[in-house]
Amino acid sequence: MYRDHLSSLLIYLKTPLRYFKYKFSLLQYIKFGSNKISNSLTKLGWMKIDNDKMDKEDKKIFYEIINSYEKLKNNLESVKKDLYSKEFELNNSDNKYFRSSITHIFDKDLLIKFANNKHILSKITDCFGFKPEISDISCWIDKPSSHKESVTQLFHRDPDDLKVIKLFLYLNDVDVNNGPFTYVEKSHLSPWKIANISGRANEEEINRIYPENNIIKFTEPKNTIILADTKGYHKGTILKKDKRVLLNVVYVSKHSYKLKNKINFY
């Protein structure tokens, strides 16, 4: 109990400091441009992409990604593994016992072309006020695990950059049971607020600083594309059954510490 009160006090005392640090840090982005255009990404922190607004070439690339997974999914060793396989859990050194990467099944050039989708880039450019850079591309399968929710299954803010948008493409249908991406709407507008001093928070802790109805669970059919400003609180909900297959692209500014000479695939 004492520790909880001390933690809450530290959060309270440091909030003004985090606020001014964040505002000061934003000044370094002016050199990249400041032509922000308001959309749901800037207002709410998330938006869904209308695939019909892609041009012919980008739509073709989008469906090539979809078809690549559909053709190979039945032969993937990671799909066939026992959901509670000890081997599967022991091979996850970053404590994501619930996750297995399948990025390798896709052609890298195809993934880069998809990440450079003009319609998607236009929405992120509107939000940033300048053209984004691509830092990471990955695809993974999440499964139920015998472990409690951990790491990315707890609410967190991403440290990649102060300007960071992540794309999530569902490659299978996602409902409340197989790990919907979950976002705290408008939490990107106050990134200096923290719910837990550890950086990871449960839903009860989130509700202390944001309204309960701001928590959005994205239960969507396959082929849905979601963009999210992940300096806002978000998580992948723990799976109760089945699996979740997700393609992820990370967009940042030139200032990001994660930006290297080439795109990271993992």
Protein backbone atom coordinates (compact mmCIF):
# COMPACT_ATOMS: atom_id res chain seq x y z
CA MET A 1 0.00 0.00 0.00
CA TYR A 2 2.81 2.41 0.95
CA ARG A 3 4.62 1.62 -2.27
CA ASP A 4 1.48 2.34 -4.33
CA HIS A 5 1.02 5.73 -2.65
CA LEU A 6 4.68 6.59 -3.19
CA SER A 7 4.45 5.63 -6.87
CA SER A 8 1.32 7.79 -7.33
CA LEU A 9 3.04 10.72 -5.62
CA LEU A 10 6.10 10.44 -7.89
CA ILE A 11 3.88 10.36 -10.98
CA TYR A 12 2.01 13.45 -9.77
CA LEU A 13 5.17 15.42 -8.94
CA LYS A 14 6.93 14.61 -12.21
CA THR A 15 3.98 15.31 -14.54
CA PRO A 16 4.72 19.06 -15.00
CA LEU A 17 8.36 18.24 -15.73
CA ARG A 18 7.37 15.70 -18.38
CA TYR A 19 4.96 18.23 -19.90
CA PHE A 20 7.62 20.93 -20.37
CA LYS A 21 10.19 18.40 -21.57
CA TYR A 22 7.74 17.16 -24.21
CA LYS A 23 6.84 20.67 -25.40
CA PHE A 24 10.51 21.65 -25.62
CA SER A 25 11.38 18.46 -27.52
CA LEU A 26 8.74 19.25 -30.17
CA LEU A 27 10.77 22.29 -31.28
CA GLN A 28 13.32 20.06 -33.01
CA TYR A 29 10.71 18.89 -35.53
CA ILE A 30 10.04 22.35 -36.97
CA LYS A 31 12.94 21.95 -39.40
CA PHE A 32 11.18 18.98 -41.02
CA GLY A 33 8.04 21.01 -41.79
CA SER A 34 4.88 22.11 -40.02
CA ASN A 35 2.05 21.80 -42.55
CA LYS A 36 -0.19 19.66 -40.36
CA ILE A 37 -3.71 18.99 -41.63
CA SER A 38 -6.32 17.92 -39.12
CA ASN A 39 -7.75 14.41 -39.50
CA SER A 40 -8.83 11.65 -37.11
CA LEU A 41 -5.18 10.71 -36.56
CA THR A 42 -4.46 14.15 -35.16
CA LYS A 43 -7.77 14.42 -33.26
CA LEU A 44 -8.37 10.90 -31.96
CA GLY A 45 -4.99 9.24 -32.42
CA TRP A 46 -6.24 6.57 -34.83
CA MET A 47 -7.98 6.02 -38.15
CA LYS A 48 -8.98 3.16 -40.43
CA ILE A 49 -7.85 3.24 -44.04
CA ASP A 50 -10.43 3.03 -46.82
CA ASN A 51 -8.82 0.54 -49.22
CA ASP A 52 -11.04 1.74 -52.07
CA LYS A 53 -9.23 5.10 -52.03
CA MET A 54 -5.92 3.50 -52.97
CA ASP A 55 -4.87 3.97 -56.58
CA LYS A 56 -4.76 0.97 -58.94
CA GLU A 57 -1.06 0.17 -58.42
CA ASP A 58 -1.17 0.47 -54.62
CA LYS A 59 -4.31 -1.65 -54.45
CA LYS A 60 -2.59 -4.33 -56.51
CA ILE A 61 0.37 -4.38 -54.08
CA PHE A 62 -2.03 -4.51 -51.12
CA TYR A 63 -3.73 -7.64 -52.49
CA GLU A 64 -0.38 -9.22 -53.31
CA ILE A 65 0.44 -8.97 -49.60
CA ILE A 66 -2.90 -10.57 -48.71
CA ASN A 67 -2.46 -13.35 -51.26
CA SER A 68 1.13 -14.06 -50.15
CA TYR A 69 -0.14 -14.91 -46.69
CA GLU A 70 -3.19 -16.84 -47.91
CA LYS A 71 -1.02 -19.08 -50.12
CA LEU A 72 1.53 -19.91 -47.44
CA LYS A 73 -0.41 -19.90 -44.18
CA ASN A 74 -1.26 -23.62 -44.17
CA ASN A 75 2.40 -24.59 -44.51
CA LEU A 76 3.80 -22.30 -41.85
CA GLU A 77 5.50 -24.20 -39.05
CA SER A 78 4.68 -21.36 -36.66
CA VAL A 79 0.96 -21.74 -37.38
CA LYS A 80 1.05 -25.49 -36.79
CA LYS A 81 2.91 -25.31 -33.45
CA ASP A 82 1.03 -26.32 -30.36
CA LEU A 83 -0.49 -23.20 -28.80
CA TYR A 84 1.18 -23.92 -25.47
CA SER A 85 4.41 -25.40 -26.84
CA LYS A 86 7.29 -25.10 -24.35
CA GLU A 87 9.66 -24.91 -27.31
CA PHE A 88 7.72 -21.95 -28.68
CA GLU A 89 7.85 -20.14 -25.34
CA LEU A 90 11.55 -20.80 -24.71
CA ASN A 91 12.50 -19.42 -28.13
CA ASN A 92 11.10 -15.98 -27.33
CA SER A 93 13.99 -14.15 -25.68
CA ASP A 94 12.13 -10.81 -25.38
CA ASN A 95 9.42 -12.34 -23.16
CA LYS A 96 6.81 -12.19 -25.92
CA TYR A 97 5.89 -15.82 -25.29
CA PHE A 98 2.73 -15.33 -27.30
CA ARG A 99 4.44 -14.22 -30.54
CA SER A 100 6.19 -15.76 -33.53
CA SER A 101 7.58 -13.77 -36.48
CA ILE A 102 6.61 -14.70 -40.04
CA THR A 103 8.11 -11.67 -41.80
CA HIS A 104 10.40 -14.00 -43.72
CA ILE A 105 7.54 -15.44 -45.82
CA PHE A 106 7.06 -12.11 -47.62
CA ASP A 107 9.17 -10.60 -50.36
CA LYS A 108 10.97 -7.63 -48.77
CA ASP A 109 10.61 -5.43 -51.84
CA LEU A 110 6.86 -6.08 -51.83
CA LEU A 111 6.66 -5.09 -48.15
CA ILE A 112 8.54 -1.84 -48.85
CA LYS A 113 6.22 -1.04 -51.77
CA PHE A 114 3.22 -1.64 -49.52
CA ALA A 115 4.69 0.59 -46.79
CA ASN A 116 5.05 3.37 -49.38
CA ASN A 117 1.35 3.25 -50.28
CA LYS A 118 0.56 6.81 -51.42
CA HIS A 119 -2.88 7.02 -49.76
CA ILE A 120 -1.47 5.84 -46.42
CA LEU A 121 1.55 8.15 -46.63
CA SER A 122 -0.72 11.13 -47.36
CA LYS A 123 -2.67 10.54 -44.11
CA ILE A 124 0.53 10.27 -42.05
CA THR A 125 2.04 13.32 -43.76
CA ASP A 126 -1.11 15.29 -42.85
CA CYS A 127 -0.61 14.24 -39.22
CA PHE A 128 3.15 14.88 -39.00
CA GLY A 129 3.25 17.99 -41.15
CA PHE A 130 6.09 16.41 -43.17
CA LYS A 131 6.78 13.18 -45.06
CA PRO A 132 7.45 10.25 -42.69
CA GLU A 133 10.33 7.79 -42.76
CA ILE A 134 9.87 3.99 -42.53
CA SER A 135 11.89 2.45 -39.70
CA ASP A 136 10.47 -1.07 -39.24
CA ILE A 137 8.37 -3.66 -41.03
CA SER A 138 7.32 -6.92 -39.41
CA CYS A 139 4.64 -9.59 -39.49
CA TRP A 140 3.81 -11.91 -36.65
CA ILE A 141 1.37 -14.45 -35.27
CA ASP A 142 0.11 -14.05 -31.70
CA LYS A 143 -1.31 -17.04 -29.85
CA PRO A 144 -2.78 -17.82 -26.44
CA SER A 145 -0.15 -18.48 -23.78
CA SER A 146 -0.02 -19.99 -20.33
CA HIS A 147 1.63 -16.76 -19.12
CA LYS A 148 -0.16 -13.70 -17.77
CA GLU A 149 -0.42 -10.59 -19.95
CA SER A 150 3.00 -8.99 -20.34
CA VAL A 151 5.08 -6.50 -22.35
CA THR A 152 3.00 -5.31 -25.33
CA GLN A 153 -0.17 -6.89 -23.89
CA LEU A 154 -0.15 -4.15 -21.25
CA PHE A 155 -0.95 -0.53 -22.07
CA HIS A 156 2.18 1.41 -23.04
CA ARG A 157 3.44 4.32 -25.12
CA ASP A 158 6.08 3.71 -27.80
CA PRO A 159 9.43 5.46 -27.35
CA ASP A 160 10.46 5.25 -31.04
CA ASP A 161 9.96 8.98 -31.61
CA LEU A 162 7.71 11.88 -30.60
CA LYS A 163 6.38 11.56 -34.14
CA VAL A 164 5.41 7.91 -34.58
CA ILE A 165 2.54 6.27 -36.44
CA LYS A 166 2.14 2.52 -36.64
CA LEU A 167 0.19 0.65 -39.30
CA PHE A 168 -1.59 -2.55 -38.34
CA LEU A 169 -2.93 -4.78 -41.12
CA TYR A 170 -5.11 -7.67 -39.91
CA LEU A 171 -4.40 -10.79 -41.98
CA ASN A 172 -7.17 -12.74 -40.26
CA ASP A 173 -10.49 -11.86 -38.65
CA VAL A 174 -10.04 -10.42 -35.16
CA ASP A 175 -12.73 -10.48 -32.47
CA VAL A 176 -12.71 -10.00 -28.69
CA ASN A 177 -11.20 -13.47 -28.16
CA ASN A 178 -8.12 -13.35 -30.39
CA GLY A 179 -6.29 -10.22 -29.38
CA PRO A 180 -7.80 -7.04 -30.83
CA PHE A 181 -5.51 -4.04 -31.04
CA THR A 182 -6.67 -1.70 -28.27
CA TYR A 183 -6.13 2.06 -28.16
CA VAL A 184 -6.86 4.79 -25.62
CA GLU A 185 -8.45 7.46 -27.77
CA LYS A 186 -6.97 10.99 -27.41
CA SER A 187 -4.22 9.78 -25.06
CA HIS A 188 -1.68 10.85 -27.74
CA LEU A 189 -2.64 14.48 -26.96
CA SER A 190 -1.10 14.24 -23.47
CA PRO A 191 1.93 11.93 -23.77
CA TRP A 192 3.43 13.37 -20.59
CA LYS A 193 0.73 11.62 -18.54
CA ILE A 194 1.67 8.18 -17.26
CA ALA A 195 -0.58 5.63 -15.58
CA ASN A 196 2.19 3.59 -13.99
CA ILE A 197 5.77 4.55 -13.19
CA SER A 198 6.99 1.30 -14.80
CA GLY A 199 5.73 2.44 -18.22
CA ARG A 200 3.27 -0.48 -18.46
CA ALA A 201 -0.30 -0.21 -17.17
CA ASN A 202 -3.44 -2.29 -16.80
CA GLU A 203 -6.93 -1.09 -17.65
CA GLU A 204 -7.74 -0.03 -14.08
CA GLU A 205 -4.68 2.23 -14.00
CA ILE A 206 -5.54 3.72 -17.41
CA ASN A 207 -9.05 4.57 -16.20
CA ARG A 208 -7.58 6.76 -13.46
CA ILE A 209 -6.31 9.26 -16.04
CA TYR A 210 -8.56 8.68 -19.09
CA PRO A 211 -12.33 8.02 -19.40
CA GLU A 212 -13.30 4.36 -19.66
CA ASN A 213 -15.17 4.94 -22.94
CA ASN A 214 -11.93 6.17 -24.56
CA ILE A 215 -10.65 2.59 -24.69
CA ILE A 216 -11.30 1.34 -28.22
CA LYS A 217 -10.99 -2.36 -29.13
CA PHE A 218 -10.55 -2.91 -32.86
CA THR A 219 -12.57 -6.05 -33.61
CA GLU A 220 -12.37 -6.05 -37.39
CA PRO A 221 -12.44 -8.41 -40.40
CA LYS A 222 -9.25 -9.46 -42.13
CA ASN A 223 -7.67 -6.96 -44.57
CA THR A 224 -8.50 -4.05 -42.22
CA ILE A 225 -5.77 -1.40 -41.99
CA ILE A 226 -5.51 0.69 -38.82
CA LEU A 227 -3.19 3.66 -38.31
CA ALA A 228 -2.42 4.69 -34.73
CA ASP A 229 -0.33 7.38 -33.09
CA THR A 230 1.44 5.09 -30.65
CA LYS A 231 2.77 7.74 -28.35
CA GLY A 232 -0.82 7.29 -27.16
CA TYR A 233 -1.54 4.35 -24.85
CA HIS A 234 -2.20 1.08 -26.68
CA LYS A 235 -1.78 -2.68 -26.39
CA GLY A 236 -2.50 -5.99 -28.05
CA THR A 237 -5.18 -7.69 -25.94
CA ILE A 238 -4.25 -11.09 -24.52
CA LEU A 239 -5.61 -13.96 -26.62
CA LYS A 240 -8.20 -16.38 -25.24
CA LYS A 241 -8.23 -18.66 -28.29
CA ASP A 242 -7.27 -18.99 -31.96
CA LYS A 243 -4.54 -16.63 -33.28
CA ARG A 244 -4.00 -13.10 -34.56
CA VAL A 245 -1.92 -12.45 -37.67
CA LEU A 246 -0.72 -8.89 -38.07
CA LEU A 247 1.51 -6.94 -40.44
CA ASN A 248 3.08 -3.89 -38.82
CA VAL A 249 4.83 -0.85 -40.33
CA VAL A 250 6.45 1.86 -38.20
CA TYR A 251 6.59 5.45 -39.50
CA VAL A 252 8.76 8.04 -37.74
CA SER A 253 10.60 11.32 -38.38
CA LYS A 254 14.24 11.68 -39.41
CA HIS A 255 14.95 12.43 -35.76
CA SER A 256 14.03 8.94 -34.51
CA TYR A 257 16.77 6.98 -32.77
CA LYS A 258 15.45 3.83 -34.50
CA LEU A 259 16.03 5.20 -37.98
CA LYS A 260 19.06 3.59 -39.57
CA ASN A 261 20.46 3.43 -43.10
CA LYS A 262 18.03 0.66 -43.95
CA ILE A 263 14.58 -0.54 -42.92
CA ASN A 264 14.55 -3.05 -40.05
CA PHE A 265 12.76 -6.32 -40.76
CA TYR A 266 12.04 -8.51 -37.75
